[in-house]
């Protein structure tokens, strides 16, 4: 019996600023685009947190700018992993804009705080040993 080789490919998905870079939720209507759902929102417009646009979008958003040499290591890791998972094909050696939903941004902030706390303890321990 011959074995069949199954080539499973993940569809390339062009990132649009109106979606969360991590979970791919539409930041205007809340539809989860990662599940294959479709919405007709204008996702090329950058969401804002102003009161004028609140009626057109779901929750608070974080608009960020990625700069390889200046970004927090946790942010770099998060964007790199999601760039690979979703096959956005961004060149992470270059600057680009991204948006996160409130949930993904909260997780990022918690992870960054934990990282900073652990590194601060490590630095203090090293200084005390010398």
C-alpha atoms as a PDB file:
ATOM      1  CA  UNK A   1       0.000   0.000   0.000  1.00  0.00           C
ATOM      2  CA  UNK A   2       1.459   3.350  -0.961  1.00  0.00           C
ATOM      3  CA  UNK A   3       1.360   6.301   1.374  1.00  0.00           C
ATOM      4  CA  UNK A   4      -0.161   9.524   0.210  1.00  0.00           C
ATOM      5  CA  UNK A   5       1.647  12.738   0.976  1.00  0.00           C
ATOM      6  CA  UNK A   6      -0.729  15.411   2.102  1.00  0.00           C
ATOM      7  CA  UNK A   7       0.478  18.919   1.596  1.00  0.00           C
ATOM      8  CA  UNK A   8      -1.254  21.050   4.187  1.00  0.00           C
ATOM      9  CA  UNK A   9      -0.683  24.718   3.568  1.00  0.00           C
ATOM     10  CA  UNK A  10      -1.846  27.682   5.526  1.00  0.00           C
ATOM     11  CA  UNK A  11      -3.337  30.339   3.336  1.00  0.00           C
ATOM     12  CA  UNK A  12      -1.364  33.551   3.152  1.00  0.00           C
ATOM     13  CA  UNK A  13      -3.285  36.391   4.702  1.00  0.00           C
ATOM     14  CA  UNK A  14      -2.487  40.009   4.003  1.00  0.00           C
ATOM     15  CA  UNK A  15      -2.572  41.912   7.283  1.00  0.00           C
ATOM     16  CA  UNK A  16      -4.835  44.958   7.374  1.00  0.00           C
ATOM     17  CA  UNK A  17      -4.510  47.668  10.028  1.00  0.00           C
ATOM     18  CA  UNK A  18      -8.202  47.353  11.015  1.00  0.00           C
ATOM     19  CA  UNK A  19      -7.643  43.858  12.409  1.00  0.00           C
ATOM     20  CA  UNK A  20      -5.785  42.612  15.467  1.00  0.00           C
ATOM     21  CA  UNK A  21      -2.308  41.446  14.429  1.00  0.00           C
ATOM     22  CA  UNK A  22      -2.463  38.560  16.919  1.00  0.00           C
ATOM     23  CA  UNK A  23      -5.999  37.128  16.955  1.00  0.00           C
ATOM     24  CA  UNK A  24      -7.162  38.543  13.578  1.00  0.00           C
ATOM     25  CA  UNK A  25     -10.381  39.949  15.007  1.00  0.00           C
ATOM     26  CA  UNK A  26     -11.974  42.762  13.017  1.00  0.00           C
ATOM     27  CA  UNK A  27     -11.659  45.833  15.217  1.00  0.00           C
ATOM     28  CA  UNK A  28     -14.805  47.379  13.763  1.00  0.00           C
ATOM     29  CA  UNK A  29     -17.409  44.616  14.029  1.00  0.00           C
ATOM     30  CA  UNK A  30     -15.661  42.025  16.226  1.00  0.00           C
ATOM     31  CA  UNK A  31     -15.839  39.144  13.732  1.00  0.00           C
ATOM     32  CA  UNK A  32     -13.047  36.594  14.188  1.00  0.00           C
ATOM     33  CA  UNK A  33     -11.452  36.437  10.754  1.00  0.00           C
ATOM     34  CA  UNK A  34      -9.091  33.648  11.848  1.00  0.00           C
ATOM     35  CA  UNK A  35     -12.044  31.260  11.822  1.00  0.00           C
ATOM     36  CA  UNK A  36     -12.701  31.959   8.162  1.00  0.00           C
ATOM     37  CA  UNK A  37     -15.522  34.411   8.790  1.00  0.00           C
ATOM     38  CA  UNK A  38     -15.885  37.386   6.501  1.00  0.00           C
ATOM     39  CA  UNK A  39     -16.970  40.939   7.200  1.00  0.00           C
ATOM     40  CA  UNK A  40     -17.368  43.952   4.964  1.00  0.00           C
ATOM     41  CA  UNK A  41     -15.740  46.537   7.224  1.00  0.00           C
ATOM     42  CA  UNK A  42     -13.174  48.974   5.839  1.00  0.00           C
ATOM     43  CA  UNK A  43     -10.091  47.418   7.442  1.00  0.00           C
ATOM     44  CA  UNK A  44      -7.561  49.628   5.692  1.00  0.00           C
ATOM     45  CA  UNK A  45      -8.473  52.534   8.005  1.00  0.00           C
ATOM     46  CA  UNK A  46      -6.544  52.754  11.258  1.00  0.00           C
ATOM     47  CA  UNK A  47      -8.886  52.401  14.254  1.00  0.00           C
ATOM     48  CA  UNK A  48      -8.671  55.075  16.930  1.00  0.00           C
ATOM     49  CA  UNK A  49      -9.913  55.421  20.481  1.00  0.00           C
ATOM     50  CA  UNK A  50     -11.672  58.747  19.946  1.00  0.00           C
ATOM     51  CA  UNK A  51     -15.317  59.093  20.926  1.00  0.00           C
ATOM     52  CA  UNK A  52     -16.233  59.862  17.310  1.00  0.00           C
ATOM     53  CA  UNK A  53     -15.217  56.414  16.100  1.00  0.00           C
ATOM     54  CA  UNK A  54     -16.327  54.378  19.140  1.00  0.00           C
ATOM     55  CA  UNK A  55     -19.703  53.704  17.569  1.00  0.00           C
ATOM     56  CA  UNK A  56     -17.934  52.124  14.591  1.00  0.00           C
ATOM     57  CA  UNK A  57     -15.506  49.834  16.402  1.00  0.00           C
ATOM     58  CA  UNK A  58     -15.451  47.205  19.107  1.00  0.00           C
ATOM     59  CA  UNK A  59     -13.565  48.122  22.288  1.00  0.00           C
ATOM     60  CA  UNK A  60     -10.260  49.835  22.924  1.00  0.00           C
ATOM     61  CA  UNK A  61      -7.407  49.317  20.468  1.00  0.00           C
ATOM     62  CA  UNK A  62      -3.645  49.746  20.578  1.00  0.00           C
ATOM     63  CA  UNK A  63      -2.036  51.227  17.514  1.00  0.00           C
ATOM     64  CA  UNK A  64       1.646  50.424  17.598  1.00  0.00           C
ATOM     65  CA  UNK A  65       4.737  50.964  15.546  1.00  0.00           C
ATOM     66  CA  UNK A  66       7.233  48.128  15.372  1.00  0.00           C
ATOM     67  CA  UNK A  67      10.887  49.125  15.238  1.00  0.00           C
ATOM     68  CA  UNK A  68      13.221  46.136  15.424  1.00  0.00           C
ATOM     69  CA  UNK A  69      16.014  47.697  17.462  1.00  0.00           C
ATOM     70  CA  UNK A  70      13.742  49.745  19.732  1.00  0.00           C
ATOM     71  CA  UNK A  71      10.797  47.438  20.490  1.00  0.00           C
ATOM     72  CA  UNK A  72      10.430  45.468  23.718  1.00  0.00           C
ATOM     73  CA  UNK A  73      11.730  41.860  23.385  1.00  0.00           C
ATOM     74  CA  UNK A  74       8.299  40.459  24.277  1.00  0.00           C
ATOM     75  CA  UNK A  75       6.667  42.548  21.536  1.00  0.00           C
ATOM     76  CA  UNK A  76       9.306  41.385  19.056  1.00  0.00           C
ATOM     77  CA  UNK A  77       8.624  37.741  19.961  1.00  0.00           C
ATOM     78  CA  UNK A  78       4.845  38.218  19.770  1.00  0.00           C
ATOM     79  CA  UNK A  79       4.941  39.891  16.370  1.00  0.00           C
ATOM     80  CA  UNK A  80       7.494  37.409  15.009  1.00  0.00           C
ATOM     81  CA  UNK A  81       5.451  34.382  16.061  1.00  0.00           C
ATOM     82  CA  UNK A  82       2.216  35.792  14.659  1.00  0.00           C
ATOM     83  CA  UNK A  83       3.958  36.901  11.484  1.00  0.00           C
ATOM     84  CA  UNK A  84       4.952  33.253  11.024  1.00  0.00           C
ATOM     85  CA  UNK A  85       1.639  31.720  12.159  1.00  0.00           C
ATOM     86  CA  UNK A  86      -0.536  33.902   9.946  1.00  0.00           C
ATOM     87  CA  UNK A  87       2.014  34.094   7.120  1.00  0.00           C
ATOM     88  CA  UNK A  88       1.848  37.890   6.948  1.00  0.00           C
ATOM     89  CA  UNK A  89       5.347  37.909   5.401  1.00  0.00           C
ATOM     90  CA  UNK A  90       6.446  41.155   7.025  1.00  0.00           C
ATOM     91  CA  UNK A  91      10.153  41.878   7.014  1.00  0.00           C
ATOM     92  CA  UNK A  92      10.717  42.353  10.738  1.00  0.00           C
ATOM     93  CA  UNK A  93      13.972  44.177  10.155  1.00  0.00           C
ATOM     94  CA  UNK A  94      11.869  47.105   8.907  1.00  0.00           C
ATOM     95  CA  UNK A  95       9.459  49.440  10.671  1.00  0.00           C
ATOM     96  CA  UNK A  96       5.714  48.782  10.314  1.00  0.00           C
ATOM     97  CA  UNK A  97       2.401  49.681  11.970  1.00  0.00           C
ATOM     98  CA  UNK A  98       0.175  47.178  13.737  1.00  0.00           C
ATOM     99  CA  UNK A  99      -2.996  47.159  15.808  1.00  0.00           C
ATOM    100  CA  UNK A 100      -3.967  44.989  18.779  1.00  0.00           C
ATOM    101  CA  UNK A 101      -7.392  44.418  20.280  1.00  0.00           C
ATOM    102  CA  UNK A 102      -7.898  45.087  23.992  1.00  0.00           C
ATOM    103  CA  UNK A 103      -7.538  41.417  24.946  1.00  0.00           C
ATOM    104  CA  UNK A 104      -4.277  40.846  23.069  1.00  0.00           C
ATOM    105  CA  UNK A 105      -2.875  44.175  24.245  1.00  0.00           C
ATOM    106  CA  UNK A 106      -3.666  43.304  27.883  1.00  0.00           C
ATOM    107  CA  UNK A 107      -1.856  39.987  27.543  1.00  0.00           C
ATOM    108  CA  UNK A 108       1.116  41.743  25.949  1.00  0.00           C
ATOM    109  CA  UNK A 109       1.315  44.276  28.793  1.00  0.00           C
ATOM    110  CA  UNK A 110       1.139  41.506  31.427  1.00  0.00           C
ATOM    111  CA  UNK A 111       3.884  39.542  29.663  1.00  0.00           C
ATOM    112  CA  UNK A 112       6.070  42.650  29.355  1.00  0.00           C
ATOM    113  CA  UNK A 113       5.605  43.465  33.052  1.00  0.00           C
ATOM    114  CA  UNK A 114       6.555  39.913  34.052  1.00  0.00           C
ATOM    115  CA  UNK A 115       9.610  40.049  31.795  1.00  0.00           C
ATOM    116  CA  UNK A 116      10.662  43.417  33.205  1.00  0.00           C
ATOM    117  CA  UNK A 117      10.163  42.255  36.792  1.00  0.00           C
ATOM    118  CA  UNK A 118      12.174  39.068  36.238  1.00  0.00           C
ATOM    119  CA  UNK A 119      14.981  40.921  34.480  1.00  0.00           C
ATOM    120  CA  UNK A 120      15.111  43.561  37.212  1.00  0.00           C
ATOM    121  CA  UNK A 121      15.500  40.820  39.829  1.00  0.00           C
ATOM    122  CA  UNK A 122      18.216  39.169  37.736  1.00  0.00           C
ATOM    123  CA  UNK A 123      20.125  42.439  37.388  1.00  0.00           C
ATOM    124  CA  UNK A 124      19.855  43.145  41.137  1.00  0.00           C
ATOM    125  CA  UNK A 125      21.070  39.625  41.968  1.00  0.00           C
ATOM    126  CA  UNK A 126      24.071  39.994  39.658  1.00  0.00           C
ATOM    127  CA  UNK A 127      25.001  43.347  41.199  1.00  0.00           C
ATOM    128  CA  UNK A 128      24.809  41.892  44.720  1.00  0.00           C
ATOM    129  CA  UNK A 129      27.099  39.001  43.766  1.00  0.00           C
ATOM    130  CA  UNK A 130      29.931  41.290  42.656  1.00  0.00           C
END
